[in-house]
Amino acid sequence: MIEEKLKNKHEITIFINGEEKEVAKEKISYEEVIRLAFGHYEDNDSTNYTVIYFKGNNEKPNGFLLKGQVVMVKKGMRINVTRTNKS
């Protein structure tokens, strides 16, 4: 019980596609955001993802997150993720 309280103390609440998510990190990667949004990440030539964030840290509060990049997490941050398939 005490361990759970300590763990939760360091979690940061963010919103991905409008859903509240708890992360226990200062930074989150492109791939991690996609896994939180869709439950998995497909790394292939036929699937593309667009990741846009808002209300981020003061240095760069808004922007696109690209494959291989990370972004600083801030309480209340909003991230929108879309997935498209090439046909």
PDB file of N, CA and C in Angstrom:
ATOM      1  N   MET A   1       0.820  -1.197   0.000  1.00  0.00           N
ATOM      2  CA  MET A   1       0.000   0.000   0.000  1.00  0.00           C
ATOM      3  C   MET A   1       0.865   1.263   0.000  1.00  0.00           C
ATOM      4  N   ILE A   2       1.881   1.299   0.853  1.00  0.00           N
ATOM      5  CA  ILE A   2       2.773   2.458   0.909  1.00  0.00           C
ATOM      6  C   ILE A   2       3.551   2.581  -0.390  1.00  0.00           C
ATOM      7  N   GLU A   3       4.034   1.452  -0.937  1.00  0.00           N
ATOM      8  CA  GLU A   3       4.766   1.477  -2.201  1.00  0.00           C
ATOM      9  C   GLU A   3       3.896   2.030  -3.321  1.00  0.00           C
ATOM     10  N   GLU A   4       2.624   1.647  -3.337  1.00  0.00           N
ATOM     11  CA  GLU A   4       1.707   2.132  -4.366  1.00  0.00           C
ATOM     12  C   GLU A   4       1.522   3.645  -4.264  1.00  0.00           C
ATOM     13  N   LYS A   5       1.403   4.168  -3.052  1.00  0.00           N
ATOM     14  CA  LYS A   5       1.257   5.614  -2.855  1.00  0.00           C
ATOM     15  C   LYS A   5       2.505   6.347  -3.327  1.00  0.00           C
ATOM     16  N   LEU A   6       3.683   5.812  -3.026  1.00  0.00           N
ATOM     17  CA  LEU A   6       4.920   6.435  -3.472  1.00  0.00           C
ATOM     18  C   LEU A   6       5.026   6.413  -4.985  1.00  0.00           C
ATOM     19  N   LYS A   7       4.645   5.314  -5.590  1.00  0.00           N
ATOM     20  CA  LYS A   7       4.687   5.207  -7.051  1.00  0.00           C
ATOM     21  C   LYS A   7       3.763   6.239  -7.680  1.00  0.00           C
ATOM     22  N   ASN A   8       2.532   6.321  -7.190  1.00  0.00           N
ATOM     23  CA  ASN A   8       1.551   7.239  -7.758  1.00  0.00           C
ATOM     24  C   ASN A   8       1.945   8.701  -7.569  1.00  0.00           C
ATOM     25  N   LYS A   9       2.722   8.992  -6.541  1.00  0.00           N
ATOM     26  CA  LYS A   9       3.150  10.361  -6.285  1.00  0.00           C
ATOM     27  C   LYS A   9       3.969  10.916  -7.439  1.00  0.00           C
ATOM     28  N   HIS A  10       4.691  10.070  -8.144  1.00  0.00           N
ATOM     29  CA  HIS A  10       5.569  10.517  -9.220  1.00  0.00           C
ATOM     30  C   HIS A  10       4.943  10.371 -10.603  1.00  0.00           C
ATOM     31  N   GLU A  11       3.724   9.911 -10.673  1.00  0.00           N
ATOM     32  CA  GLU A  11       3.073   9.780 -11.968  1.00  0.00           C
ATOM     33  C   GLU A  11       2.513  11.123 -12.406  1.00  0.00           C
ATOM     34  N   ILE A  12       2.551  11.337 -13.709  1.00  0.00           N
ATOM     35  CA  ILE A  12       2.073  12.584 -14.297  1.00  0.00           C
ATOM     36  C   ILE A  12       0.863  12.252 -15.159  1.00  0.00           C
ATOM     37  N   THR A  13      -0.205  13.026 -15.011  1.00  0.00           N
ATOM     38  CA  THR A  13      -1.412  12.812 -15.797  1.00  0.00           C
ATOM     39  C   THR A  13      -1.322  13.595 -17.098  1.00  0.00           C
ATOM     40  N   ILE A  14      -1.455  12.866 -18.213  1.00  0.00           N
ATOM     41  CA  ILE A  14      -1.517  13.480 -19.537  1.00  0.00           C
ATOM     42  C   ILE A  14      -2.766  12.945 -20.236  1.00  0.00           C
ATOM     43  N   PHE A  15      -3.106  13.512 -21.375  1.00  0.00           N
ATOM     44  CA  PHE A  15      -4.267  13.076 -22.132  1.00  0.00           C
ATOM     45  C   PHE A  15      -3.834  12.703 -23.547  1.00  0.00           C
ATOM     46  N   ILE A  16      -4.128  11.458 -23.931  1.00  0.00           N
ATOM     47  CA  ILE A  16      -3.800  10.984 -25.275  1.00  0.00           C
ATOM     48  C   ILE A  16      -5.113  10.653 -25.972  1.00  0.00           C
ATOM     49  N   ASN A  17      -5.371  11.338 -27.074  1.00  0.00           N
ATOM     50  CA  ASN A  17      -6.636  11.207 -27.810  1.00  0.00           C
ATOM     51  C   ASN A  17      -7.827  11.387 -26.864  1.00  0.00           C
ATOM     52  N   GLY A  18      -7.699  12.318 -25.931  1.00  0.00           N
ATOM     53  CA  GLY A  18      -8.769  12.643 -25.007  1.00  0.00           C
ATOM     54  C   GLY A  18      -8.888  11.728 -23.799  1.00  0.00           C
ATOM     55  N   GLU A  19      -8.095  10.661 -23.747  1.00  0.00           N
ATOM     56  CA  GLU A  19      -8.141   9.726 -22.620  1.00  0.00           C
ATOM     57  C   GLU A  19      -7.032  10.036 -21.625  1.00  0.00           C
ATOM     58  N   GLU A  20      -7.400  10.032 -20.356  1.00  0.00           N
ATOM     59  CA  GLU A  20      -6.429  10.290 -19.303  1.00  0.00           C
ATOM     60  C   GLU A  20      -5.473   9.112 -19.166  1.00  0.00           C
ATOM     61  N   LYS A  21      -4.183   9.410 -19.129  1.00  0.00           N
ATOM     62  CA  LYS A  21      -3.142   8.395 -18.963  1.00  0.00           C
ATOM     63  C   LYS A  21      -2.179   8.861 -17.882  1.00  0.00           C
ATOM     64  N   GLU A  22      -1.653   7.904 -17.124  1.00  0.00           N
ATOM     65  CA  GLU A  22      -0.659   8.200 -16.094  1.00  0.00           C
ATOM     66  C   GLU A  22       0.691   7.699 -16.579  1.00  0.00           C
ATOM     67  N   VAL A  23       1.688   8.571 -16.551  1.00  0.00           N
ATOM     68  CA  VAL A  23       3.039   8.164 -16.921  1.00  0.00           C
ATOM     69  C   VAL A  23       3.978   8.476 -15.769  1.00  0.00           C
ATOM     70  N   ALA A  24       4.940   7.601 -15.563  1.00  0.00           N
ATOM     71  CA  ALA A  24       5.876   7.750 -14.450  1.00  0.00           C
ATOM     72  C   ALA A  24       7.258   8.129 -14.962  1.00  0.00           C
ATOM     73  N   LYS A  25       7.285   8.987 -15.976  1.00  0.00           N
ATOM     74  CA  LYS A  25       8.552   9.385 -16.582  1.00  0.00           C
ATOM     75  C   LYS A  25       8.542  10.876 -16.847  1.00  0.00           C
ATOM     76  N   GLU A  26       9.724  11.450 -16.978  1.00  0.00           N
ATOM     77  CA  GLU A  26       9.827  12.860 -17.347  1.00  0.00           C
ATOM     78  C   GLU A  26       9.744  13.060 -18.847  1.00  0.00           C
ATOM     79  N   LYS A  27      10.103  12.020 -19.598  1.00  0.00           N
ATOM     80  CA  LYS A  27      10.073  12.085 -21.056  1.00  0.00           C
ATOM     81  C   LYS A  27       9.309  10.881 -21.587  1.00  0.00           C
ATOM     82  N   ILE A  28       8.690  11.060 -22.754  1.00  0.00           N
ATOM     83  CA  ILE A  28       7.983   9.951 -23.386  1.00  0.00           C
ATOM     84  C   ILE A  28       8.353   9.931 -24.862  1.00  0.00           C
ATOM     85  N   SER A  29       8.536   8.735 -25.405  1.00  0.00           N
ATOM     86  CA  SER A  29       8.965   8.595 -26.797  1.00  0.00           C
ATOM     87  C   SER A  29       7.775   8.492 -27.740  1.00  0.00           C
ATOM     88  N   TYR A  30       8.062   8.706 -28.987  1.00  0.00           N
ATOM     89  CA  TYR A  30       7.087   8.556 -30.075  1.00  0.00           C
ATOM     90  C   TYR A  30       6.407   7.194 -29.994  1.00  0.00           C
ATOM     91  N   GLU A  31       7.194   6.136 -29.874  1.00  0.00           N
ATOM     92  CA  GLU A  31       6.676   4.773 -29.826  1.00  0.00           C
ATOM     93  C   GLU A  31       5.822   4.535 -28.582  1.00  0.00           C
ATOM     94  N   GLU A  32       6.250   5.065 -27.431  1.00  0.00           N
ATOM     95  CA  GLU A  32       5.481   4.901 -26.193  1.00  0.00           C
ATOM     96  C   GLU A  32       4.124   5.594 -26.280  1.00  0.00           C
ATOM     97  N   VAL A  33       4.094   6.775 -26.884  1.00  0.00           N
ATOM     98  CA  VAL A  33       2.830   7.501 -27.063  1.00  0.00           C
ATOM     99  C   VAL A  33       1.865   6.674 -27.907  1.00  0.00           C
ATOM    100  N   ILE A  34       2.368   6.091 -28.981  1.00  0.00           N
ATOM    101  CA  ILE A  34       1.521   5.282 -29.870  1.00  0.00           C
ATOM    102  C   ILE A  34       1.003   4.055 -29.139  1.00  0.00           C
ATOM    103  N   ARG A  35       1.852   3.407 -28.351  1.00  0.00           N
ATOM    104  CA  ARG A  35       1.396   2.242 -27.577  1.00  0.00           C
ATOM    105  C   ARG A  35       0.295   2.635 -26.577  1.00  0.00           C
ATOM    106  N   LEU A  36       0.429   3.797 -25.951  1.00  0.00           N
ATOM    107  CA  LEU A  36      -0.607   4.260 -25.029  1.00  0.00           C
ATOM    108  C   LEU A  36      -1.903   4.589 -25.777  1.00  0.00           C
ATOM    109  N   ALA A  37      -1.781   5.080 -26.989  1.00  0.00           N
ATOM    110  CA  ALA A  37      -2.968   5.450 -27.770  1.00  0.00           C
ATOM    111  C   ALA A  37      -3.697   4.236 -28.329  1.00  0.00           C
ATOM    112  N   PHE A  38      -2.949   3.255 -28.850  1.00  0.00           N
ATOM    113  CA  PHE A  38      -3.562   2.140 -29.580  1.00  0.00           C
ATOM    114  C   PHE A  38      -3.303   0.754 -28.976  1.00  0.00           C
ATOM    115  N   GLY A  39      -2.480   0.685 -27.937  1.00  0.00           N
ATOM    116  CA  GLY A  39      -2.192  -0.598 -27.316  1.00  0.00           C
ATOM    117  C   GLY A  39      -1.014  -1.326 -27.927  1.00  0.00           C
ATOM    118  N   HIS A  40      -0.572  -0.899 -29.100  1.00  0.00           N
ATOM    119  CA  HIS A  40       0.590  -1.506 -29.756  1.00  0.00           C
ATOM    120  C   HIS A  40       1.158  -0.516 -30.773  1.00  0.00           C
ATOM    121  N   TYR A  41       2.361  -0.802 -31.241  1.00  0.00           N
ATOM    122  CA  TYR A  41       3.038   0.025 -32.235  1.00  0.00           C
ATOM    123  C   TYR A  41       3.432  -0.856 -33.399  1.00  0.00           C
ATOM    124  N   GLU A  42       3.006  -0.487 -34.599  1.00  0.00           N
ATOM    125  CA  GLU A  42       3.362  -1.230 -35.809  1.00  0.00           C
ATOM    126  C   GLU A  42       4.463  -0.475 -36.538  1.00  0.00           C
ATOM    127  N   ASP A  43       5.620  -1.088 -36.649  1.00  0.00           N
ATOM    128  CA  ASP A  43       6.750  -0.477 -37.348  1.00  0.00           C
ATOM    129  C   ASP A  43       6.897  -1.148 -38.707  1.00  0.00           C
ATOM    130  N   ASN A  44       6.140  -0.656 -39.683  1.00  0.00           N
ATOM    131  CA  ASN A  44       6.214  -1.209 -41.033  1.00  0.00           C
ATOM    132  C   ASN A  44       5.964  -0.104 -42.053  1.00  0.00           C
ATOM    133  N   ASP A  45       6.141  -0.441 -43.324  1.00  0.00           N
ATOM    134  CA  ASP A  45       6.013   0.559 -44.386  1.00  0.00           C
ATOM    135  C   ASP A  45       4.571   0.937 -44.709  1.00  0.00           C
ATOM    136  N   SER A  46       3.607   0.153 -44.259  1.00  0.00           N
ATOM    137  CA  SER A  46       2.220   0.440 -44.626  1.00  0.00           C
ATOM    138  C   SER A  46       1.445   1.212 -43.556  1.00  0.00           C
ATOM    139  N   THR A  47       2.029   1.432 -42.387  1.00  0.00           N
ATOM    140  CA  THR A  47       1.341   2.152 -41.319  1.00  0.00           C
ATOM    141  C   THR A  47       2.098   3.427 -40.974  1.00  0.00           C
ATOM    142  N   ASN A  48       1.391   4.538 -40.985  1.00  0.00           N
ATOM    143  CA  ASN A  48       1.972   5.830 -40.611  1.00  0.00           C
ATOM    144  C   ASN A  48       1.235   6.392 -39.407  1.00  0.00           C
ATOM    145  N   TYR A  49       1.960   7.096 -38.555  1.00  0.00           N
ATOM    146  CA  TYR A  49       1.382   7.745 -37.386  1.00  0.00           C
ATOM    147  C   TYR A  49       1.724   9.233 -37.412  1.00  0.00           C
ATOM    148  N   THR A  50       0.782  10.041 -36.978  1.00  0.00           N
ATOM    149  CA  THR A  50       1.024  11.465 -36.773  1.00  0.00           C
ATOM    150  C   THR A  50       0.781  11.737 -35.296  1.00  0.00           C
ATOM    151  N   VAL A  51       1.783  12.328 -34.632  1.00  0.00           N
ATOM    152  CA  VAL A  51       1.700  12.614 -33.204  1.00  0.00           C
ATOM    153  C   VAL A  51       1.895  14.121 -33.018  1.00  0.00           C
ATOM    154  N   ILE A  52       0.861  14.776 -32.491  1.00  0.00           N
ATOM    155  CA  ILE A  52       0.900  16.217 -32.243  1.00  0.00           C
ATOM    156  C   ILE A  52       0.645  16.441 -30.754  1.00  0.00           C
ATOM    157  N   TYR A  53       1.453  17.280 -30.125  1.00  0.00           N
ATOM    158  CA  TYR A  53       1.255  17.546 -28.702  1.00  0.00           C
ATOM    159  C   TYR A  53       1.017  19.039 -28.449  1.00  0.00           C
ATOM    160  N   PHE A  54       0.277  19.292 -27.367  1.00  0.00           N
ATOM    161  CA  PHE A  54      -0.085  20.638 -26.950  1.00  0.00           C
ATOM    162  C   PHE A  54       0.103  20.751 -25.441  1.00  0.00           C
ATOM    163  N   LYS A  55       0.287  21.954 -24.969  1.00  0.00           N
ATOM    164  CA  LYS A  55       0.423  22.228 -23.529  1.00  0.00           C
ATOM    165  C   LYS A  55       1.595  21.466 -22.921  1.00  0.00           C
ATOM    166  N   GLY A  56       2.686  21.364 -23.686  1.00  0.00           N
ATOM    167  CA  GLY A  56       3.889  20.698 -23.196  1.00  0.00           C
ATOM    168  C   GLY A  56       4.730  21.629 -22.343  1.00  0.00           C
ATOM    169  N   ASN A  57       5.996  21.279 -22.171  1.00  0.00           N
ATOM    170  CA  ASN A  57       6.854  22.097 -21.311  1.00  0.00           C
ATOM    171  C   ASN A  57       7.083  23.478 -21.921  1.00  0.00           C
ATOM    172  N   ASN A  58       7.635  24.386 -21.152  1.00  0.00           N
ATOM    173  CA  ASN A  58       7.766  25.784 -21.550  1.00  0.00           C
ATOM    174  C   ASN A  58       8.703  26.003 -22.733  1.00  0.00           C
ATOM    175  N   GLU A  59       9.708  25.139 -22.902  1.00  0.00           N
ATOM    176  CA  GLU A  59      10.655  25.322 -23.999  1.00  0.00           C
ATOM    177  C   GLU A  59       9.990  25.130 -25.359  1.00  0.00           C
ATOM    178  N   LYS A  60       9.121  24.131 -25.477  1.00  0.00           N
ATOM    179  CA  LYS A  60       8.413  23.864 -26.729  1.00  0.00           C
ATOM    180  C   LYS A  60       7.045  23.289 -26.378  1.00  0.00           C
ATOM    181  N   PRO A  61       6.062  24.159 -26.106  1.00  0.00           N
ATOM    182  CA  PRO A  61       4.769  23.686 -25.623  1.00  0.00           C
ATOM    183  C   PRO A  61       3.927  22.947 -26.662  1.00  0.00           C
ATOM    184  N   ASN A  62       4.141  23.206 -27.938  1.00  0.00           N
ATOM    185  CA  ASN A  62       3.358  22.571 -29.001  1.00  0.00           C
ATOM    186  C   ASN A  62       4.295  22.078 -30.090  1.00  0.00           C
ATOM    187  N   GLY A  63       3.937  20.954 -30.710  1.00  0.00           N
ATOM    188  CA  GLY A  63       4.758  20.480 -31.819  1.00  0.00           C
ATOM    189  C   GLY A  63       4.397  19.079 -32.269  1.00  0.00           C
ATOM    190  N   PHE A  64       5.157  18.611 -33.230  1.00  0.00           N
ATOM    191  CA  PHE A  64       5.018  17.254 -33.753  1.00  0.00           C
ATOM    192  C   PHE A  64       6.095  16.392 -33.121  1.00  0.00           C
ATOM    193  N   LEU A  65       5.738  15.157 -32.810  1.00  0.00           N
ATOM    194  CA  LEU A  65       6.705  14.186 -32.299  1.00  0.00           C
ATOM    195  C   LEU A  65       6.947  13.188 -33.419  1.00  0.00           C
ATOM    196  N   LEU A  66       8.198  13.051 -33.829  1.00  0.00           N
ATOM    197  CA  LEU A  66       8.556  12.182 -34.941  1.00  0.00           C
ATOM    198  C   LEU A  66       9.214  10.902 -34.448  1.00  0.00           C
ATOM    199  N   LYS A  67       9.232   9.905 -35.324  1.00  0.00           N
ATOM    200  CA  LYS A  67       9.831   8.616 -34.991  1.00  0.00           C
ATOM    201  C   LYS A  67      11.247   8.817 -34.467  1.00  0.00           C
ATOM    202  N   GLY A  68      11.536   8.188 -33.312  1.00  0.00           N
ATOM    203  CA  GLY A  68      12.854   8.285 -32.696  1.00  0.00           C
ATOM    204  C   GLY A  68      13.004   9.447 -31.730  1.00  0.00           C
ATOM    205  N   GLN A  69      12.030  10.327 -31.659  1.00  0.00           N
ATOM    206  CA  GLN A  69      12.117  11.485 -30.776  1.00  0.00           C
ATOM    207  C   GLN A  69      11.438  11.228 -29.439  1.00  0.00           C
ATOM    208  N   VAL A  70      11.780  12.068 -28.456  1.00  0.00           N
ATOM    209  CA  VAL A  70      11.116  12.070 -27.154  1.00  0.00           C
ATOM    210  C   VAL A  70      10.681  13.497 -26.851  1.00  0.00           C
ATOM    211  N   VAL A  71       9.714  13.625 -25.945  1.00  0.00           N
ATOM    212  CA  VAL A  71       9.251  14.946 -25.527  1.00  0.00           C
ATOM    213  C   VAL A  71       9.127  14.946 -24.008  1.00  0.00           C
ATOM    214  N   MET A  72       9.396  16.092 -23.399  1.00  0.00           N
ATOM    215  CA  MET A  72       9.235  16.248 -21.956  1.00  0.00           C
ATOM    216  C   MET A  72       7.744  16.200 -21.627  1.00  0.00           C
ATOM    217  N   VAL A  73       7.399  15.487 -20.567  1.00  0.00           N
ATOM    218  CA  VAL A  73       6.011  15.338 -20.154  1.00  0.00           C
ATOM    219  C   VAL A  73       5.678  16.435 -19.141  1.00  0.00           C
ATOM    220  N   LYS A  74       4.478  16.987 -19.272  1.00  0.00           N
ATOM    221  CA  LYS A  74       4.004  18.011 -18.336  1.00  0.00           C
ATOM    222  C   LYS A  74       2.577  17.684 -17.932  1.00  0.00           C
ATOM    223  N   LYS A  75       2.247  17.892 -16.676  1.00  0.00           N
ATOM    224  CA  LYS A  75       0.900  17.621 -16.180  1.00  0.00           C
ATOM    225  C   LYS A  75      -0.135  18.343 -17.045  1.00  0.00           C
ATOM    226  N   GLY A  76      -1.153  17.595 -17.494  1.00  0.00           N
ATOM    227  CA  GLY A  76      -2.220  18.161 -18.307  1.00  0.00           C
ATOM    228  C   GLY A  76      -1.912  18.242 -19.786  1.00  0.00           C
ATOM    229  N   MET A  77      -0.739  17.792 -20.186  1.00  0.00           N
ATOM    230  CA  MET A  77      -0.342  17.809 -21.588  1.00  0.00           C
ATOM    231  C   MET A  77      -1.357  17.050 -22.437  1.00  0.00           C
ATOM    232  N   ARG A  78      -1.602  17.523 -23.646  1.00  0.00           N
ATOM    233  CA  ARG A  78      -2.523  16.881 -24.585  1.00  0.00           C
ATOM    234  C   ARG A  78      -1.720  16.353 -25.769  1.00  0.00           C
ATOM    235  N   ILE A  79      -2.009  15.101 -26.149  1.00  0.00           N
ATOM    236  CA  ILE A  79      -1.340  14.500 -27.307  1.00  0.00           C
ATOM    237  C   ILE A  79      -2.407  13.844 -28.180  1.00  0.00           C
ATOM    238  N   ASN A  80      -2.379  14.179 -29.457  1.00  0.00           N
ATOM    239  CA  ASN A  80      -3.294  13.563 -30.423  1.00  0.00           C
ATOM    240  C   ASN A  80      -2.489  12.661 -31.345  1.00  0.00           C
ATOM    241  N   VAL A  81      -2.964  11.435 -31.513  1.00  0.00           N
ATOM    242  CA  VAL A  81      -2.274  10.445 -32.355  1.00  0.00           C
ATOM    243  C   VAL A  81      -3.266   9.925 -33.384  1.00  0.00           C
ATOM    244  N   THR A  82      -2.872   9.958 -34.647  1.00  0.00           N
ATOM    245  CA  THR A  82      -3.690   9.356 -35.706  1.00  0.00           C
ATOM    246  C   THR A  82      -2.858   8.308 -36.419  1.00  0.00           C
ATOM    247  N   ARG A  83      -3.541   7.280 -36.895  1.00  0.00           N
ATOM    248  CA  ARG A  83      -2.891   6.183 -37.622  1.00  0.00           C
ATOM    249  C   ARG A  83      -3.522   6.102 -38.999  1.00  0.00           C
ATOM    250  N   THR A  84      -2.689   6.005 -40.025  1.00  0.00           N
ATOM    251  CA  THR A  84      -3.190   5.828 -41.387  1.00  0.00           C
ATOM    252  C   THR A  84      -2.465   4.645 -42.022  1.00  0.00           C
ATOM    253  N   ASN A  85      -3.149   3.987 -42.934  1.00  0.00           N
ATOM    254  CA  ASN A  85      -2.568   2.862 -43.664  1.00  0.00           C
ATOM    255  C   ASN A  85      -2.424   3.243 -45.125  1.00  0.00           C
ATOM    256  N   LYS A  86      -1.276   2.921 -45.684  1.00  0.00           N
ATOM    257  CA  LYS A  86      -1.072   3.130 -47.121  1.00  0.00           C
ATOM    258  C   LYS A  86      -1.833   2.048 -47.866  1.00  0.00           C
ATOM    259  N   SER A  87      -2.457   2.453 -48.954  1.00  0.00           N
ATOM    260  CA  SER A  87      -3.178   1.448 -49.742  1.00  0.00           C
ATOM    261  C   SER A  87      -2.613   1.336 -51.132  1.00  0.00           C
TER     262      SER A  87
END
